[in-house]
Amino acid sequence: MIAEQRVLHGTGLPFDEDAARRLQERVYDRARDLDAVVNHRLAAMARPDFEPVGVLDRVKAPTLVIEGSHEPAMPGHGAIIAEAIPGAGLMMVEGMGHTLPPEVHEELARAILAHTAA
């Protein structure tokens, strides 16, 4: 799990292996069904080329799509989603990969609060 976290973290910010290990231990300890923990991974592996085209235009809620500049899993996916949702905004977070490291928490919190206050 740590090796996977390292890849998903991306290369833009330092990877804190100790913090990743603590997070994975919390996930393990809190999991009611360990098989369910891997469902997201299994879904992605089943259809790695999946794009939610043709349905996102139905989203009516104000939407802020957030993507890291070092997204390793599906770079550019955020732009595809934001483009398909009417009125959606796209926020690119410099240095962030697929995970939400502490270095970006404040920036993300400010953006989400501003978005939800509108």
C-alpha atoms as a PDB file:
ATOM      1  CA  MET A   1       0.000   0.000   0.000  1.00  0.00           C
ATOM      2  CA  ILE A   2       2.875   2.359   0.703  1.00  0.00           C
ATOM      3  CA  ALA A   3       4.381   1.763  -2.729  1.00  0.00           C
ATOM      4  CA  GLU A   4       0.997   2.520  -4.293  1.00  0.00           C
ATOM      5  CA  GLN A   5       0.667   5.679  -2.184  1.00  0.00           C
ATOM      6  CA  ARG A   6       4.110   6.808  -3.325  1.00  0.00           C
ATOM      7  CA  VAL A   7       3.067   6.516  -6.987  1.00  0.00           C
ATOM      8  CA  LEU A   8      -0.312   8.198  -6.434  1.00  0.00           C
ATOM      9  CA  HIS A   9       1.343  11.013  -4.494  1.00  0.00           C
ATOM     10  CA  GLY A  10       3.117  12.140  -7.655  1.00  0.00           C
ATOM     11  CA  THR A  11       6.509  13.748  -7.942  1.00  0.00           C
ATOM     12  CA  GLY A  12       5.683  17.402  -7.278  1.00  0.00           C
ATOM     13  CA  LEU A  13       5.896  17.358  -3.474  1.00  0.00           C
ATOM     14  CA  PRO A  14       8.032  15.346  -1.044  1.00  0.00           C
ATOM     15  CA  PHE A  15       6.511  11.995  -0.092  1.00  0.00           C
ATOM     16  CA  ASP A  16       6.200  11.438   3.673  1.00  0.00           C
ATOM     17  CA  GLU A  17       6.377   7.656   4.025  1.00  0.00           C
ATOM     18  CA  ASP A  18       5.736   7.735   7.783  1.00  0.00           C
ATOM     19  CA  ALA A  19       2.547   9.775   7.313  1.00  0.00           C
ATOM     20  CA  ALA A  20       1.432   7.478   4.475  1.00  0.00           C
ATOM     21  CA  ARG A  21       2.005   4.443   6.687  1.00  0.00           C
ATOM     22  CA  ARG A  22      -0.013   5.997   9.541  1.00  0.00           C
ATOM     23  CA  LEU A  23      -2.861   6.774   7.129  1.00  0.00           C
ATOM     24  CA  GLN A  24      -2.892   3.245   5.727  1.00  0.00           C
ATOM     25  CA  GLU A  25      -2.875   1.821   9.256  1.00  0.00           C
ATOM     26  CA  ARG A  26      -5.925   3.977  10.086  1.00  0.00           C
ATOM     27  CA  VAL A  27      -7.686   2.773   6.940  1.00  0.00           C
ATOM     28  CA  TYR A  28      -6.927  -0.832   7.897  1.00  0.00           C
ATOM     29  CA  ASP A  29      -8.010  -0.367  11.528  1.00  0.00           C
ATOM     30  CA  ARG A  30     -11.274   1.364  10.600  1.00  0.00           C
ATOM     31  CA  ALA A  31     -12.238  -0.909   7.717  1.00  0.00           C
ATOM     32  CA  ARG A  32     -15.339  -2.954   8.427  1.00  0.00           C
ATOM     33  CA  ASP A  33     -14.749  -5.040   5.329  1.00  0.00           C
ATOM     34  CA  LEU A  34     -11.187  -5.153   4.037  1.00  0.00           C
ATOM     35  CA  ASP A  35     -12.392  -6.428   0.668  1.00  0.00           C
ATOM     36  CA  ALA A  36     -14.343  -3.182   0.250  1.00  0.00           C
ATOM     37  CA  VAL A  37     -11.158  -1.157   0.700  1.00  0.00           C
ATOM     38  CA  VAL A  38      -9.942  -2.314  -2.708  1.00  0.00           C
ATOM     39  CA  ASN A  39     -13.212  -1.767  -4.602  1.00  0.00           C
ATOM     40  CA  HIS A  40     -12.078   1.573  -6.035  1.00  0.00           C
ATOM     41  CA  ARG A  41      -8.902  -0.026  -7.339  1.00  0.00           C
ATOM     42  CA  LEU A  42     -10.800  -2.974  -8.808  1.00  0.00           C
ATOM     43  CA  ALA A  43     -13.265  -0.683 -10.567  1.00  0.00           C
ATOM     44  CA  ALA A  44     -10.451   1.335 -12.101  1.00  0.00           C
ATOM     45  CA  MET A  45      -8.644  -1.798 -13.268  1.00  0.00           C
ATOM     46  CA  ALA A  46     -11.816  -3.175 -14.841  1.00  0.00           C
ATOM     47  CA  ARG A  47     -12.205  -0.131 -17.101  1.00  0.00           C
ATOM     48  CA  PRO A  48      -8.923   1.825 -17.159  1.00  0.00           C
ATOM     49  CA  ASP A  49     -10.063   3.833 -20.197  1.00  0.00           C
ATOM     50  CA  PHE A  50     -13.393   4.821 -18.636  1.00  0.00           C
ATOM     51  CA  GLU A  51     -14.449   8.441 -19.051  1.00  0.00           C
ATOM     52  CA  PRO A  52     -17.839   9.588 -17.723  1.00  0.00           C
ATOM     53  CA  VAL A  53     -18.807  11.236 -20.999  1.00  0.00           C
ATOM     54  CA  GLY A  54     -22.431  11.681 -21.916  1.00  0.00           C
ATOM     55  CA  VAL A  55     -23.715  12.026 -18.353  1.00  0.00           C
ATOM     56  CA  LEU A  56     -21.797  14.860 -16.730  1.00  0.00           C
ATOM     57  CA  ASP A  57     -23.845  17.483 -18.553  1.00  0.00           C
ATOM     58  CA  ARG A  58     -26.714  16.438 -16.267  1.00  0.00           C
ATOM     59  CA  VAL A  59     -24.915  17.725 -13.169  1.00  0.00           C
ATOM     60  CA  LYS A  60     -26.798  20.769 -11.900  1.00  0.00           C
ATOM     61  CA  ALA A  61     -24.895  21.448  -8.669  1.00  0.00           C
ATOM     62  CA  PRO A  62     -22.210  24.126  -8.649  1.00  0.00           C
ATOM     63  CA  THR A  63     -19.048  22.145  -9.242  1.00  0.00           C
ATOM     64  CA  LEU A  64     -15.383  22.736  -8.579  1.00  0.00           C
ATOM     65  CA  VAL A  65     -13.143  20.097 -10.106  1.00  0.00           C
ATOM     66  CA  ILE A  66      -9.720  19.820  -8.478  1.00  0.00           C
ATOM     67  CA  GLU A  67      -6.687  18.218 -10.104  1.00  0.00           C
ATOM     68  CA  GLY A  68      -3.023  18.186  -9.186  1.00  0.00           C
ATOM     69  CA  SER A  69      -0.377  19.341 -11.637  1.00  0.00           C
ATOM     70  CA  HIS A  70       1.434  16.043 -10.996  1.00  0.00           C
ATOM     71  CA  GLU A  71      -1.601  13.723 -11.324  1.00  0.00           C
ATOM     72  CA  PRO A  72      -0.093  10.298 -12.095  1.00  0.00           C
ATOM     73  CA  ALA A  73      -3.255   8.219 -12.549  1.00  0.00           C
ATOM     74  CA  MET A  74      -5.259  10.163 -15.114  1.00  0.00           C
ATOM     75  CA  PRO A  75      -3.571  13.441 -16.000  1.00  0.00           C
ATOM     76  CA  GLY A  76      -5.955  15.855 -17.697  1.00  0.00           C
ATOM     77  CA  HIS A  77      -9.027  14.033 -16.398  1.00  0.00           C
ATOM     78  CA  GLY A  78     -10.053  17.053 -14.331  1.00  0.00           C
ATOM     79  CA  ALA A  79     -10.248  19.256 -17.430  1.00  0.00           C
ATOM     80  CA  ILE A  80     -12.420  16.677 -19.204  1.00  0.00           C
ATOM     81  CA  ILE A  81     -14.812  16.579 -16.253  1.00  0.00           C
ATOM     82  CA  ALA A  82     -14.904  20.360 -15.782  1.00  0.00           C
ATOM     83  CA  GLU A  83     -15.543  20.901 -19.474  1.00  0.00           C
ATOM     84  CA  ALA A  84     -18.466  18.470 -19.465  1.00  0.00           C
ATOM     85  CA  ILE A  85     -20.238  19.936 -16.407  1.00  0.00           C
ATOM     86  CA  PRO A  86     -22.064  23.185 -17.197  1.00  0.00           C
ATOM     87  CA  GLY A  87     -20.496  26.095 -15.339  1.00  0.00           C
ATOM     88  CA  ALA A  88     -17.912  23.964 -13.542  1.00  0.00           C
ATOM     89  CA  GLY A  89     -14.643  25.474 -12.455  1.00  0.00           C
ATOM     90  CA  LEU A  90     -11.285  23.766 -12.647  1.00  0.00           C
ATOM     91  CA  MET A  91      -8.644  24.274 -10.004  1.00  0.00           C
ATOM     92  CA  MET A  92      -5.154  23.022 -10.731  1.00  0.00           C
ATOM     93  CA  VAL A  93      -3.083  22.536  -7.579  1.00  0.00           C
ATOM     94  CA  GLU A  94       0.619  22.979  -8.204  1.00  0.00           C
ATOM     95  CA  GLY A  95       2.699  20.015  -7.072  1.00  0.00           C
ATOM     96  CA  MET A  96      -0.224  17.815  -6.021  1.00  0.00           C
ATOM     97  CA  GLY A  97      -0.627  14.305  -7.387  1.00  0.00           C
ATOM     98  CA  HIS A  98      -3.651  12.039  -6.886  1.00  0.00           C
ATOM     99  CA  THR A  99      -3.570  12.276  -3.088  1.00  0.00           C
ATOM    100  CA  LEU A 100      -4.253  15.188  -0.739  1.00  0.00           C
ATOM    101  CA  PRO A 101      -0.982  15.861   1.103  1.00  0.00           C
ATOM    102  CA  PRO A 102      -0.938  18.261   4.080  1.00  0.00           C
ATOM    103  CA  GLU A 103       0.968  20.852   2.046  1.00  0.00           C
ATOM    104  CA  VAL A 104      -2.174  21.587   0.002  1.00  0.00           C
ATOM    105  CA  HIS A 105      -4.835  21.326   2.722  1.00  0.00           C
ATOM    106  CA  GLU A 106      -5.013  25.065   3.402  1.00  0.00           C
ATOM    107  CA  GLU A 107      -5.176  25.990  -0.296  1.00  0.00           C
ATOM    108  CA  LEU A 108      -7.878  23.372  -0.897  1.00  0.00           C
ATOM    109  CA  ALA A 109      -9.871  24.438   2.161  1.00  0.00           C
ATOM    110  CA  ARG A 110      -9.840  28.085   1.047  1.00  0.00           C
ATOM    111  CA  ALA A 111     -10.940  27.160  -2.472  1.00  0.00           C
ATOM    112  CA  ILE A 112     -13.709  24.836  -1.278  1.00  0.00           C
ATOM    113  CA  LEU A 113     -14.973  27.370   1.241  1.00  0.00           C
ATOM    114  CA  ALA A 114     -15.005  30.100  -1.409  1.00  0.00           C
ATOM    115  CA  HIS A 115     -16.776  27.800  -3.838  1.00  0.00           C
ATOM    116  CA  THR A 116     -19.451  26.727  -1.358  1.00  0.00           C
ATOM    117  CA  ALA A 117     -19.997  30.269  -0.072  1.00  0.00           C
ATOM    118  CA  ALA A 118     -21.024  31.513  -3.518  1.00  0.00           C
END
